[in-house]
Amino acid sequence: MKEWYSPALESLLGELKRDKKVKGLDFLQDFVLENREMYFQELEFEDVDQFVTDQFDQFQNWLTAQSGVKVLANGKWVEPGSSAESVGEGFDHSLTTSEAGILSSDDVALLARISHEKVA
């Protein structure tokens, strides 16, 4: 475990209390940028993206061993027990004009009904 893992976890838990779900890669990049002076002194600004990419899987694997964070397959991290864990939760069911033009009116009606049932 690297020295910045625990502070990153604390920061992540605080963010998850507010937002319930975060994109893991974005969170990690923000954490590194905000904490460069404390934990990443030797890291040049132009190397942050590569560092985050290199460290992401290892940090995410460490998170899966922690009881406070749920790691979804799409790289999003959620607070356990939150509604954001549910499959399809937070999915935007609205269609763009081009998508609606591709689907038949029956398909559009079915999607509207499914979307309404998930909201209700």
C-alpha atoms as a PDB file:
ATOM      1  CA  MET A   1       0.000   0.000   0.000  1.00  0.00           C
ATOM      2  CA  LYS A   2       1.358   3.394  -0.955  1.00  0.00           C
ATOM      3  CA  GLU A   3       1.376   6.268   1.519  1.00  0.00           C
ATOM      4  CA  TRP A   4      -1.248   8.228  -0.408  1.00  0.00           C
ATOM      5  CA  TYR A   5      -3.816   5.399  -0.525  1.00  0.00           C
ATOM      6  CA  SER A   6      -5.389   6.078   2.884  1.00  0.00           C
ATOM      7  CA  PRO A   7      -5.737   9.845   2.355  1.00  0.00           C
ATOM      8  CA  ALA A   8      -7.145   9.157  -1.114  1.00  0.00           C
ATOM      9  CA  LEU A   9      -9.685   6.763   0.393  1.00  0.00           C
ATOM     10  CA  GLU A  10     -10.711   9.357   3.000  1.00  0.00           C
ATOM     11  CA  SER A  11     -11.133  11.944   0.265  1.00  0.00           C
ATOM     12  CA  LEU A  12     -13.095   9.492  -1.875  1.00  0.00           C
ATOM     13  CA  LEU A  13     -15.454   8.608   0.975  1.00  0.00           C
ATOM     14  CA  GLY A  14     -16.141  12.309   1.517  1.00  0.00           C
ATOM     15  CA  GLU A  15     -16.890  12.780  -2.157  1.00  0.00           C
ATOM     16  CA  LEU A  16     -19.123   9.697  -2.232  1.00  0.00           C
ATOM     17  CA  LYS A  17     -21.143  11.080   0.684  1.00  0.00           C
ATOM     18  CA  ARG A  18     -21.910  14.105  -1.503  1.00  0.00           C
ATOM     19  CA  ASP A  19     -22.260  12.536  -4.944  1.00  0.00           C
ATOM     20  CA  LYS A  20     -22.884   8.784  -4.288  1.00  0.00           C
ATOM     21  CA  LYS A  21     -20.954   7.878  -7.466  1.00  0.00           C
ATOM     22  CA  VAL A  22     -17.701   9.126  -8.996  1.00  0.00           C
ATOM     23  CA  LYS A  23     -15.670   8.253 -12.054  1.00  0.00           C
ATOM     24  CA  GLY A  24     -12.609   6.573 -10.639  1.00  0.00           C
ATOM     25  CA  LEU A  25     -10.082   7.900 -13.132  1.00  0.00           C
ATOM     26  CA  ASP A  26     -11.333  11.484 -12.759  1.00  0.00           C
ATOM     27  CA  PHE A  27     -11.258  11.250  -8.978  1.00  0.00           C
ATOM     28  CA  LEU A  28      -7.720   9.873  -8.945  1.00  0.00           C
ATOM     29  CA  GLN A  29      -6.456  12.565 -11.296  1.00  0.00           C
ATOM     30  CA  ASP A  30      -8.062  15.315  -9.202  1.00  0.00           C
ATOM     31  CA  PHE A  31      -6.614  13.807  -6.021  1.00  0.00           C
ATOM     32  CA  VAL A  32      -3.100  13.698  -7.483  1.00  0.00           C
ATOM     33  CA  LEU A  33      -3.327  17.282  -8.743  1.00  0.00           C
ATOM     34  CA  GLU A  34      -4.713  18.581  -5.442  1.00  0.00           C
ATOM     35  CA  ASN A  35      -2.101  16.728  -3.381  1.00  0.00           C
ATOM     36  CA  ARG A  36       1.030  17.049  -5.507  1.00  0.00           C
ATOM     37  CA  GLU A  37       2.974  18.951  -2.869  1.00  0.00           C
ATOM     38  CA  MET A  38       2.140  16.491  -0.103  1.00  0.00           C
ATOM     39  CA  TYR A  39       2.453  13.064  -1.775  1.00  0.00           C
ATOM     40  CA  PHE A  40       3.737  13.537  -5.307  1.00  0.00           C
ATOM     41  CA  GLN A  41       6.530  16.114  -4.989  1.00  0.00           C
ATOM     42  CA  GLU A  42       8.707  14.581  -7.686  1.00  0.00           C
ATOM     43  CA  LEU A  43       5.887  14.241 -10.192  1.00  0.00           C
ATOM     44  CA  GLU A  44       6.036  16.803 -12.978  1.00  0.00           C
ATOM     45  CA  PHE A  45       2.720  18.347 -14.016  1.00  0.00           C
ATOM     46  CA  GLU A  46       3.011  17.004 -17.564  1.00  0.00           C
ATOM     47  CA  ASP A  47       3.452  13.473 -16.174  1.00  0.00           C
ATOM     48  CA  VAL A  48       0.256  13.453 -14.084  1.00  0.00           C
ATOM     49  CA  ASP A  49      -1.932  11.839 -16.764  1.00  0.00           C
ATOM     50  CA  GLN A  50       0.505   8.976 -17.296  1.00  0.00           C
ATOM     51  CA  PHE A  51       1.008   8.507 -13.562  1.00  0.00           C
ATOM     52  CA  VAL A  52      -2.747   8.303 -12.953  1.00  0.00           C
ATOM     53  CA  THR A  53      -3.155   5.821 -15.808  1.00  0.00           C
ATOM     54  CA  ASP A  54      -0.301   3.683 -14.475  1.00  0.00           C
ATOM     55  CA  GLN A  55      -1.575   3.752 -10.877  1.00  0.00           C
ATOM     56  CA  PHE A  56      -5.308   3.390 -11.541  1.00  0.00           C
ATOM     57  CA  ASP A  57      -5.644  -0.406 -11.660  1.00  0.00           C
ATOM     58  CA  GLN A  58      -3.431  -0.955  -8.641  1.00  0.00           C
ATOM     59  CA  PHE A  59      -5.312   1.641  -6.579  1.00  0.00           C
ATOM     60  CA  GLN A  60      -8.691   0.344  -7.730  1.00  0.00           C
ATOM     61  CA  ASN A  61      -7.682  -3.215  -6.780  1.00  0.00           C
ATOM     62  CA  TRP A  62      -6.740  -1.938  -3.339  1.00  0.00           C
ATOM     63  CA  LEU A  63     -10.147  -0.237  -3.086  1.00  0.00           C
ATOM     64  CA  THR A  64     -11.961  -3.499  -3.768  1.00  0.00           C
ATOM     65  CA  ALA A  65     -10.394  -4.865  -0.584  1.00  0.00           C
ATOM     66  CA  GLN A  66     -11.777  -1.922   1.391  1.00  0.00           C
ATOM     67  CA  SER A  67     -15.209  -2.227   2.953  1.00  0.00           C
ATOM     68  CA  GLY A  68     -16.211   1.364   2.305  1.00  0.00           C
ATOM     69  CA  VAL A  69     -16.190   1.468  -1.484  1.00  0.00           C
ATOM     70  CA  LYS A  70     -17.928  -0.507  -4.224  1.00  0.00           C
ATOM     71  CA  VAL A  71     -16.109  -0.633  -7.564  1.00  0.00           C
ATOM     72  CA  LEU A  72     -18.378  -1.045 -10.580  1.00  0.00           C
ATOM     73  CA  ALA A  73     -17.237  -2.725 -13.780  1.00  0.00           C
ATOM     74  CA  ASN A  74     -17.291   0.576 -15.687  1.00  0.00           C
ATOM     75  CA  GLY A  75     -14.663   2.177 -13.437  1.00  0.00           C
ATOM     76  CA  LYS A  76     -17.154   4.092 -11.321  1.00  0.00           C
ATOM     77  CA  TRP A  77     -16.850   3.980  -7.576  1.00  0.00           C
ATOM     78  CA  VAL A  78     -19.962   4.121  -5.397  1.00  0.00           C
ATOM     79  CA  GLU A  79     -20.861   4.261  -1.752  1.00  0.00           C
ATOM     80  CA  PRO A  80     -22.061   0.822  -0.666  1.00  0.00           C
ATOM     81  CA  GLY A  81     -25.793   0.516  -0.204  1.00  0.00           C
ATOM     82  CA  SER A  82     -26.512   3.599  -2.283  1.00  0.00           C
ATOM     83  CA  SER A  83     -29.086   3.509  -5.040  1.00  0.00           C
ATOM     84  CA  ALA A  84     -26.246   4.269  -7.464  1.00  0.00           C
ATOM     85  CA  GLU A  85     -25.201   0.611  -7.136  1.00  0.00           C
ATOM     86  CA  SER A  86     -28.362  -0.583  -8.853  1.00  0.00           C
ATOM     87  CA  VAL A  87     -28.057  -1.751 -12.410  1.00  0.00           C
ATOM     88  CA  GLY A  88     -29.302   0.955 -14.728  1.00  0.00           C
ATOM     89  CA  GLU A  89     -29.496   3.566 -11.995  1.00  0.00           C
ATOM     90  CA  GLY A  90     -28.507   6.976 -13.254  1.00  0.00           C
ATOM     91  CA  PHE A  91     -28.891   5.867 -16.870  1.00  0.00           C
ATOM     92  CA  ASP A  92     -30.344   8.579 -19.084  1.00  0.00           C
ATOM     93  CA  HIS A  93     -33.315   7.028 -20.827  1.00  0.00           C
ATOM     94  CA  SER A  94     -34.075  10.083 -22.960  1.00  0.00           C
ATOM     95  CA  LEU A  95     -33.436   9.819 -26.678  1.00  0.00           C
ATOM     96  CA  THR A  96     -31.703  12.226 -28.980  1.00  0.00           C
ATOM     97  CA  THR A  97     -33.567  13.248 -32.108  1.00  0.00           C
ATOM     98  CA  SER A  98     -31.401  10.982 -34.261  1.00  0.00           C
ATOM     99  CA  GLU A  99     -31.956   8.017 -31.921  1.00  0.00           C
ATOM    100  CA  ALA A 100     -35.713   8.562 -31.921  1.00  0.00           C
ATOM    101  CA  GLY A 101     -35.650   8.717 -35.723  1.00  0.00           C
ATOM    102  CA  ILE A 102     -34.037   5.280 -35.919  1.00  0.00           C
ATOM    103  CA  LEU A 103     -36.551   3.586 -33.624  1.00  0.00           C
ATOM    104  CA  SER A 104     -40.128   2.766 -34.481  1.00  0.00           C
ATOM    105  CA  SER A 105     -42.897   4.519 -32.556  1.00  0.00           C
ATOM    106  CA  ASP A 106     -43.557   1.226 -30.712  1.00  0.00           C
ATOM    107  CA  ASP A 107     -39.913   1.112 -29.579  1.00  0.00           C
ATOM    108  CA  VAL A 108     -40.059   4.721 -28.383  1.00  0.00           C
ATOM    109  CA  ALA A 109     -43.287   4.011 -26.459  1.00  0.00           C
ATOM    110  CA  LEU A 110     -41.717   0.935 -24.850  1.00  0.00           C
ATOM    111  CA  LEU A 111     -38.639   2.903 -23.775  1.00  0.00           C
ATOM    112  CA  ALA A 112     -40.852   5.628 -22.325  1.00  0.00           C
ATOM    113  CA  ARG A 113     -42.819   3.040 -20.345  1.00  0.00           C
ATOM    114  CA  ILE A 114     -39.651   1.339 -19.060  1.00  0.00           C
ATOM    115  CA  SER A 115     -38.158   4.684 -18.096  1.00  0.00           C
ATOM    116  CA  HIS A 116     -41.329   5.673 -16.253  1.00  0.00           C
ATOM    117  CA  GLU A 117     -41.409   2.355 -14.348  1.00  0.00           C
ATOM    118  CA  LYS A 118     -37.790   2.807 -13.193  1.00  0.00           C
ATOM    119  CA  VAL A 119     -38.538   6.325 -11.955  1.00  0.00           C
ATOM    120  CA  ALA A 120     -41.744   5.333 -10.145  1.00  0.00           C
END
